[in-house]
Amino acid sequence: MSKDLDYKSSRLSAIAQTLGLPIDQLFLGGDKIDGLFDVHECIRLYLAIQTEDGRRRAIDFLRQIVDDEQP
């Protein structure tokens, strides 16, 4: 493996570990590509929030949605 490929592979593994996902979930099939854009939009919006309180409220809101969707 080349050094560049080793570096990219280790970075991808670190991202997956940080997100708590299996690395194969970072590779989306054609039917899941739209979901990737949604994830990007969530991250973009989160990073655009300028206050700590705003970021906390955004996370609390997302947690509430997840809790509401649990059976």
PDB file of N, CA and C in Angstrom:
ATOM      1  N   MET A   1       0.847  -1.180   0.000  1.00  0.00           N
ATOM      2  CA  MET A   1       0.000   0.000   0.000  1.00  0.00           C
ATOM      3  C   MET A   1       0.891   1.241   0.000  1.00  0.00           C
ATOM      4  N   SER A   2       0.546   2.247  -0.759  1.00  0.00           N
ATOM      5  CA  SER A   2       1.333   3.471  -0.795  1.00  0.00           C
ATOM      6  C   SER A   2       1.129   4.268   0.500  1.00  0.00           C
ATOM      7  N   LYS A   3       2.058   5.170   0.763  1.00  0.00           N
ATOM      8  CA  LYS A   3       1.938   6.003   1.964  1.00  0.00           C
ATOM      9  C   LYS A   3       0.664   6.823   1.933  1.00  0.00           C
ATOM     10  N   ASP A   4       0.307   7.363   0.753  1.00  0.00           N
ATOM     11  CA  ASP A   4      -0.904   8.173   0.625  1.00  0.00           C
ATOM     12  C   ASP A   4      -2.146   7.330   0.924  1.00  0.00           C
ATOM     13  N   LEU A   5      -2.180   6.119   0.403  1.00  0.00           N
ATOM     14  CA  LEU A   5      -3.322   5.236   0.644  1.00  0.00           C
ATOM     15  C   LEU A   5      -3.373   4.807   2.108  1.00  0.00           C
ATOM     16  N   ASP A   6      -2.220   4.544   2.703  1.00  0.00           N
ATOM     17  CA  ASP A   6      -2.167   4.216   4.132  1.00  0.00           C
ATOM     18  C   ASP A   6      -2.719   5.365   4.970  1.00  0.00           C
ATOM     19  N   TYR A   7      -2.306   6.580   4.625  1.00  0.00           N
ATOM     20  CA  TYR A   7      -2.762   7.764   5.359  1.00  0.00           C
ATOM     21  C   TYR A   7      -4.276   7.915   5.230  1.00  0.00           C
ATOM     22  N   LYS A   8      -4.781   7.800   4.006  1.00  0.00           N
ATOM     23  CA  LYS A   8      -6.225   7.958   3.784  1.00  0.00           C
ATOM     24  C   LYS A   8      -7.009   6.864   4.498  1.00  0.00           C
ATOM     25  N   SER A   9      -6.488   5.657   4.472  1.00  0.00           N
ATOM     26  CA  SER A   9      -7.156   4.553   5.152  1.00  0.00           C
ATOM     27  C   SER A   9      -7.180   4.767   6.659  1.00  0.00           C
ATOM     28  N   SER A  10      -6.078   5.243   7.218  1.00  0.00           N
ATOM     29  CA  SER A  10      -6.043   5.474   8.658  1.00  0.00           C
ATOM     30  C   SER A  10      -6.965   6.630   9.041  1.00  0.00           C
ATOM     31  N   ARG A  11      -7.048   7.676   8.206  1.00  0.00           N
ATOM     32  CA  ARG A  11      -7.950   8.799   8.483  1.00  0.00           C
ATOM     33  C   ARG A  11      -9.404   8.346   8.424  1.00  0.00           C
ATOM     34  N   LEU A  12      -9.738   7.530   7.418  1.00  0.00           N
ATOM     35  CA  LEU A  12     -11.094   7.019   7.290  1.00  0.00           C
ATOM     36  C   LEU A  12     -11.456   6.147   8.485  1.00  0.00           C
ATOM     37  N   SER A  13     -10.528   5.330   8.925  1.00  0.00           N
ATOM     38  CA  SER A  13     -10.758   4.499  10.113  1.00  0.00           C
ATOM     39  C   SER A  13     -10.980   5.371  11.346  1.00  0.00           C
ATOM     40  N   ALA A  14     -10.208   6.443  11.475  1.00  0.00           N
ATOM     41  CA  ALA A  14     -10.359   7.346  12.620  1.00  0.00           C
ATOM     42  C   ALA A  14     -11.718   8.045  12.589  1.00  0.00           C
ATOM     43  N   ILE A  15     -12.157   8.445  11.412  1.00  0.00           N
ATOM     44  CA  ILE A  15     -13.472   9.087  11.279  1.00  0.00           C
ATOM     45  C   ILE A  15     -14.575   8.113  11.677  1.00  0.00           C
ATOM     46  N   ALA A  16     -14.502   6.895  11.164  1.00  0.00           N
ATOM     47  CA  ALA A  16     -15.508   5.879  11.500  1.00  0.00           C
ATOM     48  C   ALA A  16     -15.523   5.614  13.001  1.00  0.00           C
ATOM     49  N   GLN A  17     -14.349   5.507  13.600  1.00  0.00           N
ATOM     50  CA  GLN A  17     -14.268   5.248  15.042  1.00  0.00           C
ATOM     51  C   GLN A  17     -14.855   6.419  15.827  1.00  0.00           C
ATOM     52  N   THR A  18     -14.538   7.636  15.425  1.00  0.00           N
ATOM     53  CA  THR A  18     -15.057   8.818  16.099  1.00  0.00           C
ATOM     54  C   THR A  18     -16.574   8.877  16.028  1.00  0.00           C
ATOM     55  N   LEU A  19     -17.116   8.503  14.870  1.00  0.00           N
ATOM     56  CA  LEU A  19     -18.565   8.517  14.682  1.00  0.00           C
ATOM     57  C   LEU A  19     -19.250   7.296  15.286  1.00  0.00           C
ATOM     58  N   GLY A  20     -18.448   6.303  15.703  1.00  0.00           N
ATOM     59  CA  GLY A  20     -19.015   5.083  16.269  1.00  0.00           C
ATOM     60  C   GLY A  20     -19.706   4.232  15.221  1.00  0.00           C
ATOM     61  N   LEU A  21     -19.152   4.244  14.004  1.00  0.00           N
ATOM     62  CA  LEU A  21     -19.745   3.499  12.890  1.00  0.00           C
ATOM     63  C   LEU A  21     -18.764   2.464  12.365  1.00  0.00           C
ATOM     64  N   PRO A  22     -19.286   1.357  11.835  1.00  0.00           N
ATOM     65  CA  PRO A  22     -18.400   0.463  11.093  1.00  0.00           C
ATOM     66  C   PRO A  22     -17.902   1.205   9.851  1.00  0.00           C
ATOM     67  N   ILE A  23     -16.673   0.958   9.477  1.00  0.00           N
ATOM     68  CA  ILE A  23     -16.085   1.695   8.360  1.00  0.00           C
ATOM     69  C   ILE A  23     -16.868   1.512   7.059  1.00  0.00           C
ATOM     70  N   ASP A  24     -17.504   0.341   6.893  1.00  0.00           N
ATOM     71  CA  ASP A  24     -18.245   0.108   5.643  1.00  0.00           C
ATOM     72  C   ASP A  24     -19.473   1.010   5.518  1.00  0.00           C
ATOM     73  N   GLN A  25     -19.957   1.588   6.622  1.00  0.00           N
ATOM     74  CA  GLN A  25     -21.089   2.504   6.530  1.00  0.00           C
ATOM     75  C   GLN A  25     -20.699   3.840   5.921  1.00  0.00           C
ATOM     76  N   LEU A  26     -19.403   4.103   5.826  1.00  0.00           N
ATOM     77  CA  LEU A  26     -18.946   5.334   5.189  1.00  0.00           C
ATOM     78  C   LEU A  26     -18.951   5.215   3.667  1.00  0.00           C
ATOM     79  N   PHE A  27     -19.160   4.007   3.174  1.00  0.00           N
ATOM     80  CA  PHE A  27     -19.242   3.775   1.738  1.00  0.00           C
ATOM     81  C   PHE A  27     -20.691   3.490   1.409  1.00  0.00           C
ATOM     82  N   LEU A  28     -21.332   4.431   0.768  1.00  0.00           N
ATOM     83  CA  LEU A  28     -22.762   4.332   0.513  1.00  0.00           C
ATOM     84  C   LEU A  28     -23.038   3.873  -0.905  1.00  0.00           C
ATOM     85  N   GLY A  29     -24.040   3.021  -1.040  1.00  0.00           N
ATOM     86  CA  GLY A  29     -24.509   2.626  -2.359  1.00  0.00           C
ATOM     87  C   GLY A  29     -25.340   3.745  -2.968  1.00  0.00           C
ATOM     88  N   GLY A  30     -25.687   3.600  -4.228  1.00  0.00           N
ATOM     89  CA  GLY A  30     -26.430   4.619  -4.951  1.00  0.00           C
ATOM     90  C   GLY A  30     -27.712   5.045  -4.271  1.00  0.00           C
ATOM     91  N   ASP A  31     -28.428   4.116  -3.638  1.00  0.00           N
ATOM     92  CA  ASP A  31     -29.695   4.462  -2.999  1.00  0.00           C
ATOM     93  C   ASP A  31     -29.504   5.214  -1.680  1.00  0.00           C
ATOM     94  N   LYS A  32     -28.289   5.234  -1.155  1.00  0.00           N
ATOM     95  CA  LYS A  32     -28.042   5.916   0.114  1.00  0.00           C
ATOM     96  C   LYS A  32     -27.317   7.247  -0.064  1.00  0.00           C
ATOM     97  N   ILE A  33     -26.970   7.598  -1.284  1.00  0.00           N
ATOM     98  CA  ILE A  33     -26.204   8.817  -1.533  1.00  0.00           C
ATOM     99  C   ILE A  33     -26.946  10.049  -1.030  1.00  0.00           C
ATOM    100  N   ASP A  34     -28.258  10.124  -1.215  1.00  0.00           N
ATOM    101  CA  ASP A  34     -29.014  11.284  -0.735  1.00  0.00           C
ATOM    102  C   ASP A  34     -28.847  11.457   0.766  1.00  0.00           C
ATOM    103  N   GLY A  35     -28.776  10.368   1.500  1.00  0.00           N
ATOM    104  CA  GLY A  35     -28.565  10.434   2.941  1.00  0.00           C
ATOM    105  C   GLY A  35     -27.233  11.067   3.290  1.00  0.00           C
ATOM    106  N   LEU A  36     -26.234  10.841   2.456  1.00  0.00           N
ATOM    107  CA  LEU A  36     -24.930  11.453   2.683  1.00  0.00           C
ATOM    108  C   LEU A  36     -25.021  12.967   2.569  1.00  0.00           C
ATOM    109  N   PHE A  37     -25.785  13.450   1.609  1.00  0.00           N
ATOM    110  CA  PHE A  37     -25.962  14.886   1.468  1.00  0.00           C
ATOM    111  C   PHE A  37     -26.692  15.460   2.682  1.00  0.00           C
ATOM    112  N   ASP A  38     -27.635  14.721   3.226  1.00  0.00           N
ATOM    113  CA  ASP A  38     -28.341  15.175   4.427  1.00  0.00           C
ATOM    114  C   ASP A  38     -27.386  15.259   5.621  1.00  0.00           C
ATOM    115  N   VAL A  39     -26.505  14.282   5.739  1.00  0.00           N
ATOM    116  CA  VAL A  39     -25.516  14.308   6.824  1.00  0.00           C
ATOM    117  C   VAL A  39     -24.617  15.530   6.661  1.00  0.00           C
ATOM    118  N   HIS A  40     -24.182  15.782   5.453  1.00  0.00           N
ATOM    119  CA  HIS A  40     -23.346  16.953   5.185  1.00  0.00           C
ATOM    120  C   HIS A  40     -24.079  18.232   5.574  1.00  0.00           C
ATOM    121  N   GLU A  41     -25.355  18.317   5.238  1.00  0.00           N
ATOM    122  CA  GLU A  41     -26.141  19.505   5.559  1.00  0.00           C
ATOM    123  C   GLU A  41     -26.274  19.673   7.075  1.00  0.00           C
ATOM    124  N   CYS A  42     -26.482  18.586   7.793  1.00  0.00           N
ATOM    125  CA  CYS A  42     -26.564  18.669   9.262  1.00  0.00           C
ATOM    126  C   CYS A  42     -25.252  19.191   9.845  1.00  0.00           C
ATOM    127  N   ILE A  43     -24.142  18.688   9.361  1.00  0.00           N
ATOM    128  CA  ILE A  43     -22.839  19.141   9.858  1.00  0.00           C
ATOM    129  C   ILE A  43     -22.617  20.599   9.493  1.00  0.00           C
ATOM    130  N   ARG A  44     -22.950  20.987   8.256  1.00  0.00           N
ATOM    131  CA  ARG A  44     -22.774  22.367   7.822  1.00  0.00           C
ATOM    132  C   ARG A  44     -23.586  23.321   8.694  1.00  0.00           C
ATOM    133  N   LEU A  45     -24.841  22.951   8.954  1.00  0.00           N
ATOM    134  CA  LEU A  45     -25.697  23.801   9.776  1.00  0.00           C
ATOM    135  C   LEU A  45     -25.191  23.872  11.215  1.00  0.00           C
ATOM    136  N   TYR A  46     -24.791  22.741  11.758  1.00  0.00           N
ATOM    137  CA  TYR A  46     -24.267  22.727  13.127  1.00  0.00           C
ATOM    138  C   TYR A  46     -23.056  23.649  13.254  1.00  0.00           C
ATOM    139  N   LEU A  47     -22.151  23.567  12.282  1.00  0.00           N
ATOM    140  CA  LEU A  47     -20.950  24.398  12.334  1.00  0.00           C
ATOM    141  C   LEU A  47     -21.257  25.874  12.120  1.00  0.00           C
ATOM    142  N   ALA A  48     -22.389  26.170  11.511  1.00  0.00           N
ATOM    143  CA  ALA A  48     -22.778  27.565  11.295  1.00  0.00           C
ATOM    144  C   ALA A  48     -23.385  28.194  12.546  1.00  0.00           C
ATOM    145  N   ILE A  49     -23.804  27.378  13.496  1.00  0.00           N
ATOM    146  CA  ILE A  49     -24.352  27.905  14.751  1.00  0.00           C
ATOM    147  C   ILE A  49     -23.216  28.553  15.517  1.00  0.00           C
ATOM    148  N   GLN A  50     -23.414  29.778  15.940  1.00  0.00           N
ATOM    149  CA  GLN A  50     -22.307  30.563  16.487  1.00  0.00           C
ATOM    150  C   GLN A  50     -22.168  30.509  18.001  1.00  0.00           C
ATOM    151  N   THR A  51     -23.178  30.034  18.693  1.00  0.00           N
ATOM    152  CA  THR A  51     -23.076  30.023  20.154  1.00  0.00           C
ATOM    153  C   THR A  51     -23.095  28.601  20.696  1.00  0.00           C
ATOM    154  N   GLU A  52     -22.460  28.464  21.845  1.00  0.00           N
ATOM    155  CA  GLU A  52     -22.460  27.155  22.524  1.00  0.00           C
ATOM    156  C   GLU A  52     -23.890  26.749  22.887  1.00  0.00           C
ATOM    157  N   ASP A  53     -24.689  27.724  23.337  1.00  0.00           N
ATOM    158  CA  ASP A  53     -26.079  27.447  23.680  1.00  0.00           C
ATOM    159  C   ASP A  53     -26.861  26.978  22.453  1.00  0.00           C
ATOM    160  N   GLY A  54     -26.645  27.600  21.321  1.00  0.00           N
ATOM    161  CA  GLY A  54     -27.322  27.190  20.096  1.00  0.00           C
ATOM    162  C   GLY A  54     -26.957  25.773  19.688  1.00  0.00           C
ATOM    163  N   ARG A  55     -25.666  25.426  19.779  1.00  0.00           N
ATOM    164  CA  ARG A  55     -25.228  24.065  19.441  1.00  0.00           C
ATOM    165  C   ARG A  55     -25.824  23.050  20.407  1.00  0.00           C
ATOM    166  N   ARG A  56     -25.870  23.410  21.700  1.00  0.00           N
ATOM    167  CA  ARG A  56     -26.468  22.502  22.692  1.00  0.00           C
ATOM    168  C   ARG A  56     -27.942  22.268  22.384  1.00  0.00           C
ATOM    169  N   ARG A  57     -28.666  23.345  22.051  1.00  0.00           N
ATOM    170  CA  ARG A  57     -30.092  23.212  21.728  1.00  0.00           C
ATOM    171  C   ARG A  57     -30.301  22.370  20.484  1.00  0.00           C
ATOM    172  N   ALA A  58     -29.433  22.519  19.499  1.00  0.00           N
ATOM    173  CA  ALA A  58     -29.544  21.711  18.277  1.00  0.00           C
ATOM    174  C   ALA A  58     -29.370  20.228  18.600  1.00  0.00           C
ATOM    175  N   ILE A  59     -28.370  19.896  19.405  1.00  0.00           N
ATOM    176  CA  ILE A  59     -28.132  18.498  19.793  1.00  0.00           C
ATOM    177  C   ILE A  59     -29.297  17.976  20.625  1.00  0.00           C
ATOM    178  N   ASP A  60     -29.794  18.784  21.553  1.00  0.00           N
ATOM    179  CA  ASP A  60     -30.949  18.362  22.360  1.00  0.00           C
ATOM    180  C   ASP A  60     -32.158  18.071  21.474  1.00  0.00           C
ATOM    181  N   PHE A  61     -32.372  18.911  20.475  1.00  0.00           N
ATOM    182  CA  PHE A  61     -33.497  18.724  19.568  1.00  0.00           C
ATOM    183  C   PHE A  61     -33.346  17.423  18.772  1.00  0.00           C
ATOM    184  N   LEU A  62     -32.160  17.169  18.265  1.00  0.00           N
ATOM    185  CA  LEU A  62     -31.928  15.918  17.525  1.00  0.00           C
ATOM    186  C   LEU A  62     -32.114  14.697  18.419  1.00  0.00           C
ATOM    187  N   ARG A  63     -31.642  14.785  19.658  1.00  0.00           N
ATOM    188  CA  ARG A  63     -31.830  13.673  20.601  1.00  0.00           C
ATOM    189  C   ARG A  63     -33.315  13.414  20.855  1.00  0.00           C
ATOM    190  N   GLN A  64     -34.092  14.489  20.974  1.00  0.00           N
ATOM    191  CA  GLN A  64     -35.530  14.340  21.204  1.00  0.00           C
ATOM    192  C   GLN A  64     -36.194  13.642  20.026  1.00  0.00           C
ATOM    193  N   ILE A  65     -35.802  13.986  18.812  1.00  0.00           N
ATOM    194  CA  ILE A  65     -36.352  13.328  17.626  1.00  0.00           C
ATOM    195  C   ILE A  65     -36.047  11.830  17.660  1.00  0.00           C
ATOM    196  N   VAL A  66     -34.796  11.499  17.989  1.00  0.00           N
ATOM    197  CA  VAL A  66     -34.410  10.076  18.074  1.00  0.00           C
ATOM    198  C   VAL A  66     -35.218   9.375  19.152  1.00  0.00           C
ATOM    199  N   ASP A  67     -35.357   9.981  20.315  1.00  0.00           N
ATOM    200  CA  ASP A  67     -36.138   9.387  21.397  1.00  0.00           C
ATOM    201  C   ASP A  67     -37.589   9.185  20.970  1.00  0.00           C
ATOM    202  N   ASP A  68     -38.174  10.156  20.279  1.00  0.00           N
ATOM    203  CA  ASP A  68     -39.558  10.059  19.827  1.00  0.00           C
ATOM    204  C   ASP A  68     -39.777   8.949  18.821  1.00  0.00           C
ATOM    205  N   GLU A  69     -38.734   8.604  18.079  1.00  0.00           N
ATOM    206  CA  GLU A  69     -38.863   7.582  17.035  1.00  0.00           C
ATOM    207  C   GLU A  69     -38.611   6.155  17.549  1.00  0.00           C
ATOM    208  N   GLN A  70     -38.206   6.042  18.805  1.00  0.00           N
ATOM    209  CA  GLN A  70     -37.956   4.716  19.355  1.00  0.00           C
ATOM    210  C   GLN A  70     -39.289   4.011  19.621  1.00  0.00           C
ATOM    211  N   PRO A  71     -39.336   2.719  19.304  1.00  0.00           N
ATOM    212  CA  PRO A  71     -40.586   1.975  19.539  1.00  0.00           C
ATOM    213  C   PRO A  71     -40.911   1.808  21.009  1.00  0.00           C
TER     214      PRO A  71
END
